[in-house]
Amino acid sequence: MKEKTSIKTFRDLLVWQKSMVFVTEVYKISNDFPKEEVFGLTSQIRRCAVSIPSNISEGYGRQSLGDFIRFLNIGIASLFELQTQLEISLNLEYISNESFTKLYEQSREIERMLYKSHKKVKRKTMNISLCL
């Protein structure tokens, strides 16, 4: 039987932890982008990466499950935006196929976790509204 771990803060959420590691990886890889991209693709891809764990934590800190769902949705949207920017980076040969594959697979894992979290929170919301 799987032992349930207690979630006391957003830092205990596995999806937040994985997205924090992902941010670091995105920053490392984007360090090698051309200098002329500093205010373009480099900045954009980093903002998207930072947005994912930031929205998870902000949503977790909100007072309603509905708000948490909304912020999870924003995190998912940022992740999709970042996946597109990874494709652009690959097409422009700013990153290697190997780096792209590694980051894209990480992003897909986070995507699955975000959708699972979204579904779980939505189910809780529905159960609460049924009790009212």
N, C-alpha and C. Protein backbone atom coordinates (compact mmCIF):
# COMPACT_ATOMS: atom_id res chain seq x y z
N MET A 1 0.84 -1.18 0.00
CA MET A 1 0.00 0.00 0.00
C MET A 1 0.89 1.25 0.00
N LYS A 2 0.47 2.23 -0.76
CA LYS A 2 1.21 3.48 -0.88
C LYS A 2 0.96 4.36 0.35
N GLU A 3 2.04 4.83 0.95
CA GLU A 3 1.90 5.70 2.11
C GLU A 3 1.68 7.13 1.64
N LYS A 4 0.64 7.77 2.17
CA LYS A 4 0.35 9.15 1.80
C LYS A 4 1.24 10.08 2.61
N THR A 5 1.85 11.02 1.91
CA THR A 5 2.66 12.00 2.61
C THR A 5 1.81 13.25 2.82
N SER A 6 2.07 13.89 3.92
CA SER A 6 1.30 15.08 4.28
C SER A 6 1.83 16.30 3.52
N ILE A 7 0.92 17.04 2.91
CA ILE A 7 1.27 18.27 2.20
C ILE A 7 0.98 19.43 3.15
N LYS A 8 2.05 20.07 3.61
CA LYS A 8 1.87 21.18 4.55
C LYS A 8 2.08 22.54 3.87
N THR A 9 2.96 22.56 2.88
CA THR A 9 3.20 23.80 2.13
C THR A 9 3.33 23.44 0.65
N PHE A 10 3.35 24.45 -0.20
CA PHE A 10 3.51 24.20 -1.63
C PHE A 10 4.84 23.50 -1.92
N ARG A 11 5.82 23.68 -1.05
CA ARG A 11 7.13 23.04 -1.24
C ARG A 11 7.04 21.51 -1.17
N ASP A 12 5.98 21.02 -0.55
CA ASP A 12 5.78 19.57 -0.45
C ASP A 12 5.17 18.96 -1.71
N LEU A 13 4.70 19.81 -2.62
CA LEU A 13 4.08 19.32 -3.86
C LEU A 13 5.17 18.86 -4.82
N LEU A 14 5.10 17.60 -5.23
CA LEU A 14 6.10 17.04 -6.13
C LEU A 14 6.16 17.80 -7.46
N VAL A 15 5.01 18.23 -7.96
CA VAL A 15 4.99 18.97 -9.23
C VAL A 15 5.73 20.31 -9.09
N TRP A 16 5.63 20.95 -7.93
CA TRP A 16 6.38 22.19 -7.69
C TRP A 16 7.88 21.89 -7.65
N GLN A 17 8.26 20.83 -6.94
CA GLN A 17 9.68 20.45 -6.83
C GLN A 17 10.28 20.17 -8.21
N LYS A 18 9.57 19.40 -9.02
CA LYS A 18 10.07 19.05 -10.36
C LYS A 18 10.14 20.29 -11.25
N SER A 19 9.18 21.18 -11.11
CA SER A 19 9.20 22.39 -11.94
C SER A 19 10.33 23.33 -11.51
N MET A 20 10.72 23.29 -10.25
CA MET A 20 11.86 24.09 -9.79
C MET A 20 13.17 23.58 -10.40
N VAL A 21 13.32 22.26 -10.46
CA VAL A 21 14.50 21.67 -11.11
C VAL A 21 14.50 22.05 -12.59
N PHE A 22 13.32 22.03 -13.20
CA PHE A 22 13.17 22.37 -14.61
C PHE A 22 13.62 23.81 -14.88
N VAL A 23 13.25 24.73 -14.00
CA VAL A 23 13.66 26.13 -14.15
C VAL A 23 15.18 26.22 -14.22
N THR A 24 15.85 25.53 -13.31
CA THR A 24 17.32 25.55 -13.29
C THR A 24 17.89 25.03 -14.60
N GLU A 25 17.32 23.95 -15.12
CA GLU A 25 17.79 23.38 -16.39
C GLU A 25 17.59 24.37 -17.55
N VAL A 26 16.44 25.03 -17.57
CA VAL A 26 16.16 26.01 -18.62
C VAL A 26 17.15 27.17 -18.54
N TYR A 27 17.43 27.65 -17.34
CA TYR A 27 18.40 28.74 -17.18
C TYR A 27 19.78 28.32 -17.67
N LYS A 28 20.19 27.12 -17.31
CA LYS A 28 21.52 26.64 -17.73
C LYS A 28 21.62 26.57 -19.25
N ILE A 29 20.62 26.00 -19.88
CA ILE A 29 20.67 25.81 -21.33
C ILE A 29 20.57 27.15 -22.06
N SER A 30 19.80 28.08 -21.51
CA SER A 30 19.63 29.38 -22.19
C SER A 30 20.83 30.30 -21.99
N ASN A 31 21.73 29.94 -21.08
CA ASN A 31 22.98 30.70 -20.93
C ASN A 31 23.80 30.72 -22.21
N ASP A 32 23.63 29.69 -23.02
CA ASP A 32 24.41 29.57 -24.26
C ASP A 32 23.71 30.19 -25.47
N PHE A 33 22.55 30.79 -25.28
CA PHE A 33 21.87 31.45 -26.39
C PHE A 33 22.70 32.66 -26.83
N PRO A 34 22.57 33.07 -28.09
CA PRO A 34 23.31 34.24 -28.56
C PRO A 34 22.98 35.49 -27.73
N LYS A 35 23.97 36.34 -27.58
CA LYS A 35 23.80 37.55 -26.76
C LYS A 35 22.67 38.44 -27.28
N GLU A 36 22.44 38.45 -28.59
CA GLU A 36 21.36 39.29 -29.13
C GLU A 36 19.97 38.80 -28.72
N GLU A 37 19.90 37.60 -28.14
CA GLU A 37 18.61 37.06 -27.68
C GLU A 37 18.33 37.37 -26.21
N VAL A 38 19.25 38.08 -25.55
CA VAL A 38 19.09 38.35 -24.12
C VAL A 38 17.73 38.96 -23.79
N PHE A 39 17.27 39.89 -24.60
CA PHE A 39 15.97 40.52 -24.34
C PHE A 39 14.86 39.90 -25.18
N GLY A 40 15.19 38.87 -25.93
CA GLY A 40 14.21 38.19 -26.77
C GLY A 40 13.90 36.81 -26.23
N LEU A 41 14.33 35.80 -26.96
CA LEU A 41 13.99 34.42 -26.63
C LEU A 41 14.53 33.99 -25.27
N THR A 42 15.74 34.42 -24.92
CA THR A 42 16.32 34.04 -23.62
C THR A 42 15.42 34.51 -22.49
N SER A 43 15.04 35.77 -22.54
CA SER A 43 14.18 36.34 -21.51
C SER A 43 12.82 35.66 -21.48
N GLN A 44 12.25 35.44 -22.65
CA GLN A 44 10.91 34.85 -22.75
C GLN A 44 10.87 33.42 -22.21
N ILE A 45 11.84 32.62 -22.60
CA ILE A 45 11.86 31.21 -22.19
C ILE A 45 12.07 31.10 -20.68
N ARG A 46 12.88 32.00 -20.14
CA ARG A 46 13.13 32.00 -18.69
C ARG A 46 11.88 32.44 -17.92
N ARG A 47 11.20 33.47 -18.43
CA ARG A 47 9.97 33.93 -17.75
C ARG A 47 8.93 32.82 -17.72
N CYS A 48 8.80 32.10 -18.82
CA CYS A 48 7.84 30.99 -18.87
C CYS A 48 8.20 29.91 -17.86
N ALA A 49 9.49 29.57 -17.81
CA ALA A 49 9.94 28.53 -16.88
C ALA A 49 9.65 28.93 -15.43
N VAL A 50 9.96 30.18 -15.09
CA VAL A 50 9.74 30.68 -13.73
C VAL A 50 8.25 30.73 -13.41
N SER A 51 7.44 31.01 -14.40
CA SER A 51 5.99 31.12 -14.22
C SER A 51 5.35 29.81 -13.74
N ILE A 52 5.91 28.69 -14.13
CA ILE A 52 5.28 27.40 -13.79
C ILE A 52 5.26 27.16 -12.28
N PRO A 53 6.42 27.08 -11.60
CA PRO A 53 6.36 26.86 -10.15
C PRO A 53 5.76 28.06 -9.40
N SER A 54 5.93 29.26 -9.96
CA SER A 54 5.36 30.45 -9.32
C SER A 54 3.84 30.37 -9.26
N ASN A 55 3.21 29.94 -10.35
CA ASN A 55 1.75 29.82 -10.37
C ASN A 55 1.26 28.66 -9.51
N ILE A 56 2.04 27.60 -9.44
CA ILE A 56 1.66 26.48 -8.55
C ILE A 56 1.64 26.98 -7.11
N SER A 57 2.70 27.67 -6.70
CA SER A 57 2.77 28.14 -5.31
C SER A 57 1.75 29.23 -5.02
N GLU A 58 1.54 30.14 -5.97
CA GLU A 58 0.55 31.19 -5.75
C GLU A 58 -0.86 30.60 -5.64
N GLY A 59 -1.17 29.68 -6.53
CA GLY A 59 -2.48 29.03 -6.48
C GLY A 59 -2.69 28.26 -5.18
N TYR A 60 -1.65 27.59 -4.73
CA TYR A 60 -1.73 26.83 -3.48
C TYR A 60 -2.03 27.76 -2.30
N GLY A 61 -1.46 28.97 -2.37
CA GLY A 61 -1.63 29.93 -1.28
C GLY A 61 -2.96 30.68 -1.30
N ARG A 62 -3.73 30.51 -2.34
CA ARG A 62 -5.03 31.19 -2.42
C ARG A 62 -6.03 30.54 -1.47
N GLN A 63 -7.09 31.25 -1.20
CA GLN A 63 -8.07 30.81 -0.21
C GLN A 63 -9.14 29.88 -0.76
N SER A 64 -9.14 29.66 -2.07
CA SER A 64 -10.19 28.79 -2.61
C SER A 64 -9.60 27.79 -3.59
N LEU A 65 -10.25 26.65 -3.68
CA LEU A 65 -9.83 25.62 -4.62
C LEU A 65 -10.00 26.10 -6.05
N GLY A 66 -11.03 26.91 -6.29
CA GLY A 66 -11.25 27.47 -7.62
C GLY A 66 -10.07 28.32 -8.08
N ASP A 67 -9.53 29.12 -7.15
CA ASP A 67 -8.34 29.92 -7.48
C ASP A 67 -7.15 29.02 -7.76
N PHE A 68 -7.01 27.96 -6.97
CA PHE A 68 -5.90 27.02 -7.19
C PHE A 68 -6.00 26.42 -8.60
N ILE A 69 -7.19 26.03 -9.00
CA ILE A 69 -7.41 25.47 -10.34
C ILE A 69 -7.01 26.50 -11.40
N ARG A 70 -7.42 27.75 -11.20
CA ARG A 70 -7.11 28.81 -12.16
C ARG A 70 -5.60 28.99 -12.32
N PHE A 71 -4.88 28.97 -11.21
CA PHE A 71 -3.43 29.14 -11.28
C PHE A 71 -2.73 27.91 -11.85
N LEU A 72 -3.28 26.73 -11.62
CA LEU A 72 -2.74 25.53 -12.27
C LEU A 72 -2.91 25.66 -13.79
N ASN A 73 -4.06 26.19 -14.21
CA ASN A 73 -4.29 26.41 -15.65
C ASN A 73 -3.26 27.39 -16.24
N ILE A 74 -2.94 28.43 -15.50
CA ILE A 74 -1.95 29.39 -15.96
C ILE A 74 -0.58 28.71 -16.07
N GLY A 75 -0.26 27.87 -15.09
CA GLY A 75 1.00 27.12 -15.14
C GLY A 75 1.06 26.21 -16.35
N ILE A 76 -0.04 25.55 -16.66
CA ILE A 76 -0.11 24.67 -17.83
C ILE A 76 0.10 25.49 -19.11
N ALA A 77 -0.55 26.64 -19.19
CA ALA A 77 -0.40 27.50 -20.37
C ALA A 77 1.05 27.97 -20.53
N SER A 78 1.70 28.33 -19.43
CA SER A 78 3.10 28.74 -19.48
C SER A 78 3.99 27.59 -19.95
N LEU A 79 3.66 26.40 -19.52
CA LEU A 79 4.42 25.22 -19.93
C LEU A 79 4.29 24.98 -21.43
N PHE A 80 3.08 25.12 -21.97
CA PHE A 80 2.89 24.97 -23.41
C PHE A 80 3.65 26.04 -24.20
N GLU A 81 3.63 27.25 -23.67
CA GLU A 81 4.37 28.34 -24.31
C GLU A 81 5.87 28.00 -24.33
N LEU A 82 6.36 27.48 -23.21
CA LEU A 82 7.77 27.12 -23.12
C LEU A 82 8.12 25.97 -24.07
N GLN A 83 7.22 25.00 -24.21
CA GLN A 83 7.47 23.90 -25.15
C GLN A 83 7.63 24.43 -26.57
N THR A 84 6.83 25.41 -26.93
CA THR A 84 6.95 26.04 -28.25
C THR A 84 8.29 26.76 -28.38
N GLN A 85 8.70 27.45 -27.33
CA GLN A 85 9.97 28.16 -27.36
C GLN A 85 11.16 27.20 -27.44
N LEU A 86 11.02 26.02 -26.86
CA LEU A 86 12.06 25.01 -27.00
C LEU A 86 12.18 24.57 -28.46
N GLU A 87 11.02 24.40 -29.11
CA GLU A 87 11.00 24.04 -30.54
C GLU A 87 11.69 25.13 -31.37
N ILE A 88 11.38 26.38 -31.06
CA ILE A 88 12.00 27.51 -31.77
C ILE A 88 13.51 27.49 -31.55
N SER A 89 13.93 27.26 -30.31
CA SER A 89 15.35 27.22 -29.98
C SER A 89 16.06 26.11 -30.75
N LEU A 90 15.40 24.99 -30.89
CA LEU A 90 15.96 23.87 -31.65
C LEU A 90 16.06 24.24 -33.13
N ASN A 91 15.00 24.82 -33.68
CA ASN A 91 14.98 25.21 -35.09
C ASN A 91 16.06 26.24 -35.42
N LEU A 92 16.33 27.13 -34.46
CA LEU A 92 17.36 28.15 -34.65
C LEU A 92 18.76 27.64 -34.31
N GLU A 93 18.82 26.37 -33.91
CA GLU A 93 20.08 25.71 -33.53
C GLU A 93 20.75 26.36 -32.33
N TYR A 94 19.92 26.87 -31.41
CA TYR A 94 20.44 27.40 -30.15
C TYR A 94 20.65 26.27 -29.15
N ILE A 95 19.91 25.18 -29.32
CA ILE A 95 20.07 24.00 -28.46
C ILE A 95 20.22 22.77 -29.35
N SER A 96 20.86 21.76 -28.78
CA SER A 96 21.06 20.50 -29.51
C SER A 96 19.80 19.65 -29.43
N ASN A 97 19.74 18.65 -30.29
CA ASN A 97 18.63 17.69 -30.24
C ASN A 97 18.57 17.01 -28.87
N GLU A 98 19.74 16.70 -28.34
CA GLU A 98 19.82 16.03 -27.03
C GLU A 98 19.25 16.92 -25.92
N SER A 99 19.65 18.18 -25.91
CA SER A 99 19.13 19.13 -24.91
C SER A 99 17.63 19.32 -25.06
N PHE A 100 17.19 19.45 -26.31
CA PHE A 100 15.76 19.61 -26.57
C PHE A 100 14.99 18.41 -26.03
N THR A 101 15.44 17.21 -26.36
CA THR A 101 14.74 16.00 -25.93
C THR A 101 14.67 15.92 -24.41
N LYS A 102 15.78 16.21 -23.75
CA LYS A 102 15.82 16.16 -22.29
C LYS A 102 14.82 17.14 -21.67
N LEU A 103 14.87 18.39 -22.14
CA LEU A 103 13.97 19.41 -21.59
C LEU A 103 12.51 19.14 -21.96
N TYR A 104 12.29 18.69 -23.18
CA TYR A 104 10.92 18.42 -23.60
C TYR A 104 10.32 17.27 -22.79
N GLU A 105 11.10 16.23 -22.54
CA GLU A 105 10.61 15.11 -21.72
C GLU A 105 10.31 15.56 -20.30
N GLN A 106 11.17 16.39 -19.74
CA GLN A 106 10.91 16.95 -18.40
C GLN A 106 9.61 17.74 -18.41
N SER A 107 9.42 18.54 -19.44
CA SER A 107 8.22 19.36 -19.52
C SER A 107 6.97 18.50 -19.65
N ARG A 108 7.06 17.40 -20.38
CA ARG A 108 5.91 16.50 -20.53
C ARG A 108 5.55 15.83 -19.20
N GLU A 109 6.57 15.50 -18.41
CA GLU A 109 6.31 14.91 -17.09
C GLU A 109 5.60 15.93 -16.20
N ILE A 110 6.07 17.16 -16.21
CA ILE A 110 5.44 18.22 -15.42
C ILE A 110 4.02 18.47 -15.92
N GLU A 111 3.84 18.44 -17.22
CA GLU A 111 2.50 18.61 -17.81
C GLU A 111 1.53 17.56 -17.28
N ARG A 112 1.95 16.31 -17.29
CA ARG A 112 1.09 15.22 -16.78
C ARG A 112 0.76 15.44 -15.31
N MET A 113 1.76 15.86 -14.54
CA MET A 113 1.55 16.09 -13.11
C MET A 113 0.60 17.26 -12.88
N LEU A 114 0.73 18.31 -13.67
CA LEU A 114 -0.17 19.46 -13.54
C LEU A 114 -1.61 19.06 -13.86
N TYR A 115 -1.80 18.29 -14.92
CA TYR A 115 -3.15 17.84 -15.27
C TYR A 115 -3.74 16.95 -14.18
N LYS A 116 -2.91 16.09 -13.62
CA LYS A 116 -3.37 15.21 -12.54
C LYS A 116 -3.76 16.04 -11.31
N SER A 117 -2.93 17.03 -10.98
CA SER A 117 -3.24 17.92 -9.85
C SER A 117 -4.53 18.69 -10.11
N HIS A 118 -4.67 19.19 -11.31
CA HIS A 118 -5.86 19.93 -11.71
C HIS A 118 -7.10 19.07 -11.51
N LYS A 119 -7.03 17.85 -11.98
CA LYS A 119 -8.16 16.92 -11.88
C LYS A 119 -8.51 16.63 -10.42
N LYS A 120 -7.48 16.43 -9.60
CA LYS A 120 -7.66 16.13 -8.18
C LYS A 120 -8.33 17.30 -7.45
N VAL A 121 -7.84 18.51 -7.70
CA VAL A 121 -8.40 19.69 -7.05
C VAL A 121 -9.83 19.93 -7.52
N LYS A 122 -10.08 19.74 -8.81
CA LYS A 122 -11.42 19.92 -9.36
C LYS A 122 -12.41 18.94 -8.72
N ARG A 123 -11.96 17.71 -8.53
CA ARG A 123 -12.81 16.69 -7.89
C ARG A 123 -13.15 17.11 -6.46
N LYS A 124 -12.15 17.65 -5.74
CA LYS A 124 -12.39 18.14 -4.37
C LYS A 124 -13.43 19.24 -4.38
N THR A 125 -13.32 20.16 -5.35
CA THR A 125 -14.26 21.27 -5.47
C THR A 125 -15.67 20.75 -5.70
N MET A 126 -15.79 19.76 -6.58
CA MET A 126 -17.11 19.19 -6.87
C MET A 126 -17.68 18.49 -5.64
N ASN A 127 -16.85 17.78 -4.90
CA ASN A 127 -17.32 17.09 -3.69
C ASN A 127 -17.79 18.08 -2.65
N ILE A 128 -17.09 19.19 -2.51
CA ILE A 128 -17.49 20.21 -1.54
C ILE A 128 -18.82 20.83 -1.96
N SER A 129 -18.98 21.15 -3.24
CA SER A 129 -20.23 21.78 -3.69
C SER A 129 -21.41 20.83 -3.57
N LEU A 130 -21.17 19.54 -3.69
CA LEU A 130 -22.26 18.56 -3.53
C LEU A 130 -22.73 18.49 -2.08
N CYS A 131 -21.84 18.81 -1.15
CA CYS A 131 -22.18 18.76 0.27
C CYS A 131 -22.93 20.01 0.73
N LEU A 132 -22.91 21.05 -0.06
CA LEU A 132 -23.56 22.31 0.36
C LEU A 132 -25.05 22.29 0.16
